[in-house]
N, C-alpha and C. Protein backbone atom coordinates (compact mmCIF):
# COMPACT_ATOMS: atom_id res chain seq x y z
N MET A 1 -73.78 62.51 33.03
CA MET A 1 -73.15 62.32 34.32
C MET A 1 -73.53 60.93 34.84
N SER A 2 -72.55 60.17 35.23
CA SER A 2 -72.83 58.83 35.75
C SER A 2 -72.49 58.78 37.23
N GLY A 3 -72.95 57.75 37.89
CA GLY A 3 -72.66 57.59 39.30
C GLY A 3 -73.92 57.71 40.14
N PHE A 4 -73.72 57.99 41.40
CA PHE A 4 -74.82 58.07 42.35
C PHE A 4 -74.76 59.41 43.06
N ALA A 5 -75.86 60.03 43.26
CA ALA A 5 -75.94 61.30 43.97
C ALA A 5 -76.84 61.12 45.19
N PHE A 6 -76.37 61.57 46.34
CA PHE A 6 -77.18 61.54 47.56
C PHE A 6 -78.19 62.68 47.53
N ARG A 7 -79.39 62.42 48.02
CA ARG A 7 -80.36 63.50 48.19
C ARG A 7 -79.93 64.43 49.31
N ALA A 8 -79.37 63.85 50.32
CA ALA A 8 -78.83 64.60 51.45
C ALA A 8 -77.52 63.94 51.85
N TYR A 9 -76.58 64.72 52.35
CA TYR A 9 -75.29 64.17 52.76
C TYR A 9 -75.50 63.19 53.90
N PRO A 10 -74.94 61.98 53.82
CA PRO A 10 -75.15 60.98 54.88
C PRO A 10 -74.56 61.45 56.21
N GLY A 11 -75.21 61.07 57.27
CA GLY A 11 -74.68 61.34 58.61
C GLY A 11 -73.78 60.19 59.02
N TRP A 12 -72.51 60.27 58.60
CA TRP A 12 -71.58 59.15 58.84
C TRP A 12 -71.40 58.85 60.32
N GLY A 13 -71.55 59.85 61.17
CA GLY A 13 -71.42 59.63 62.61
C GLY A 13 -72.53 58.74 63.16
N ASP A 14 -73.62 58.64 62.41
CA ASP A 14 -74.74 57.80 62.84
C ASP A 14 -74.52 56.33 62.48
N LEU A 15 -73.45 56.05 61.76
CA LEU A 15 -73.16 54.69 61.32
C LEU A 15 -71.81 54.22 61.87
N PRO A 16 -71.67 54.16 63.18
CA PRO A 16 -70.36 53.80 63.73
C PRO A 16 -70.01 52.33 63.48
N LEU A 17 -68.76 52.10 63.21
CA LEU A 17 -68.26 50.74 63.09
C LEU A 17 -67.65 50.32 64.41
N ALA A 18 -67.68 49.05 64.68
CA ALA A 18 -67.06 48.56 65.90
C ALA A 18 -65.56 48.78 65.84
N THR A 19 -64.98 49.17 66.95
CA THR A 19 -63.54 49.37 67.02
C THR A 19 -62.87 48.01 67.04
N PRO A 20 -61.95 47.76 66.10
CA PRO A 20 -61.29 46.45 66.10
C PRO A 20 -60.39 46.29 67.33
N HIS A 21 -60.36 45.10 67.85
CA HIS A 21 -59.50 44.81 69.00
C HIS A 21 -58.14 44.37 68.50
N GLU A 22 -57.12 44.77 69.24
CA GLU A 22 -55.76 44.40 68.87
C GLU A 22 -55.59 42.90 69.00
N ARG A 23 -54.97 42.32 68.01
CA ARG A 23 -54.73 40.88 68.03
C ARG A 23 -53.28 40.65 68.44
N VAL A 24 -53.10 40.03 69.57
CA VAL A 24 -51.76 39.73 70.05
C VAL A 24 -51.39 38.34 69.57
N ARG A 25 -50.26 38.25 68.89
CA ARG A 25 -49.81 36.95 68.36
C ARG A 25 -48.50 36.59 69.02
N GLU A 26 -48.51 35.50 69.74
CA GLU A 26 -47.30 35.01 70.37
C GLU A 26 -46.96 33.66 69.76
N ALA A 27 -45.68 33.44 69.59
CA ALA A 27 -45.23 32.18 69.02
C ALA A 27 -45.43 31.05 70.03
N ALA A 28 -45.83 29.91 69.54
CA ALA A 28 -45.93 28.72 70.38
C ALA A 28 -44.51 28.23 70.67
N PRO A 29 -44.32 27.51 71.76
CA PRO A 29 -42.98 27.04 72.09
C PRO A 29 -42.32 26.25 70.95
N ALA A 30 -43.08 25.48 70.20
CA ALA A 30 -42.50 24.69 69.11
C ALA A 30 -42.10 25.56 67.92
N GLU A 31 -42.68 26.76 67.79
CA GLU A 31 -42.38 27.63 66.66
C GLU A 31 -41.04 28.34 66.80
N GLU A 32 -40.61 28.62 68.01
CA GLU A 32 -39.39 29.40 68.21
C GLU A 32 -38.15 28.77 67.58
N PRO A 33 -37.84 27.50 67.86
CA PRO A 33 -36.62 26.93 67.25
C PRO A 33 -36.69 26.89 65.72
N ARG A 34 -37.87 26.59 65.18
CA ARG A 34 -38.00 26.54 63.72
C ARG A 34 -37.83 27.92 63.11
N SER A 35 -38.36 28.94 63.77
CA SER A 35 -38.23 30.30 63.26
C SER A 35 -36.78 30.75 63.29
N LEU A 36 -36.09 30.48 64.38
CA LEU A 36 -34.68 30.88 64.48
C LEU A 36 -33.83 30.16 63.44
N GLU A 37 -34.12 28.90 63.19
CA GLU A 37 -33.39 28.14 62.18
C GLU A 37 -33.65 28.72 60.78
N ALA A 38 -34.89 29.10 60.51
CA ALA A 38 -35.23 29.65 59.20
C ALA A 38 -34.58 31.02 58.97
N LEU A 39 -34.33 31.78 60.04
CA LEU A 39 -33.73 33.10 59.90
C LEU A 39 -32.24 33.04 59.58
N GLY A 40 -31.61 31.94 59.91
CA GLY A 40 -30.18 31.82 59.67
C GLY A 40 -29.38 32.30 60.87
N SER A 41 -28.09 32.09 60.82
CA SER A 41 -27.25 32.36 61.99
C SER A 41 -27.15 33.86 62.31
N HIS A 42 -27.09 34.72 61.31
CA HIS A 42 -26.92 36.14 61.58
C HIS A 42 -28.16 36.76 62.21
N HIS A 43 -29.30 36.54 61.60
CA HIS A 43 -30.53 37.09 62.15
C HIS A 43 -30.95 36.36 63.41
N GLY A 44 -30.67 35.08 63.48
CA GLY A 44 -31.02 34.30 64.65
C GLY A 44 -30.37 34.84 65.91
N ARG A 45 -29.13 35.29 65.80
CA ARG A 45 -28.43 35.87 66.96
C ARG A 45 -29.15 37.11 67.47
N LEU A 46 -29.55 37.98 66.54
CA LEU A 46 -30.25 39.20 66.94
C LEU A 46 -31.56 38.85 67.63
N ILE A 47 -32.30 37.92 67.07
CA ILE A 47 -33.59 37.55 67.65
C ILE A 47 -33.39 36.93 69.04
N ARG A 48 -32.37 36.10 69.19
CA ARG A 48 -32.12 35.49 70.51
C ARG A 48 -31.80 36.56 71.55
N ILE A 49 -31.03 37.58 71.16
CA ILE A 49 -30.71 38.67 72.09
C ILE A 49 -31.99 39.43 72.44
N MET A 50 -32.82 39.69 71.43
CA MET A 50 -34.07 40.41 71.68
C MET A 50 -34.98 39.64 72.62
N VAL A 51 -35.10 38.34 72.42
CA VAL A 51 -35.95 37.51 73.28
C VAL A 51 -35.40 37.49 74.71
N ALA A 52 -34.08 37.37 74.84
CA ALA A 52 -33.47 37.28 76.17
C ALA A 52 -33.57 38.59 76.94
N THR A 53 -33.48 39.73 76.22
CA THR A 53 -33.47 41.02 76.91
C THR A 53 -34.81 41.74 76.89
N GLY A 54 -35.74 41.29 76.03
CA GLY A 54 -37.03 41.95 75.93
C GLY A 54 -36.99 43.23 75.11
N VAL A 55 -35.96 43.39 74.28
CA VAL A 55 -35.81 44.59 73.45
C VAL A 55 -36.75 44.50 72.25
N ARG A 56 -37.39 45.60 71.90
CA ARG A 56 -38.22 45.64 70.71
C ARG A 56 -37.36 45.77 69.46
N LEU A 57 -37.91 45.37 68.33
CA LEU A 57 -37.17 45.38 67.09
C LEU A 57 -36.65 46.77 66.74
N ARG A 58 -37.49 47.79 66.88
CA ARG A 58 -37.04 49.15 66.51
C ARG A 58 -35.90 49.63 67.39
N ASP A 59 -35.81 49.12 68.63
CA ASP A 59 -34.71 49.50 69.52
C ASP A 59 -33.47 48.65 69.28
N ALA A 60 -33.64 47.48 68.68
CA ALA A 60 -32.50 46.60 68.48
C ALA A 60 -31.72 46.96 67.21
N LEU A 61 -32.41 47.51 66.22
CA LEU A 61 -31.76 47.86 64.97
C LEU A 61 -31.31 49.30 65.00
N MET A 62 -30.06 49.52 64.69
CA MET A 62 -29.54 50.88 64.61
C MET A 62 -29.55 51.32 63.15
N THR A 63 -30.18 52.44 62.89
CA THR A 63 -30.22 52.92 61.51
C THR A 63 -29.50 54.25 61.41
């Protein structure tokens, strides 16, 4: 038998990890025109509407 065996089951609750903080990423003003250009005319229109109306992506796309 290979591997490692604990003498006693670890108390995982005694070893808490820090809760990660949400990282909010917002585009810089200079990034917006370049991003829209890279998306092309079809996707760029959708993104412009989303930015103007504040609609989230999941609400903008109909599946």
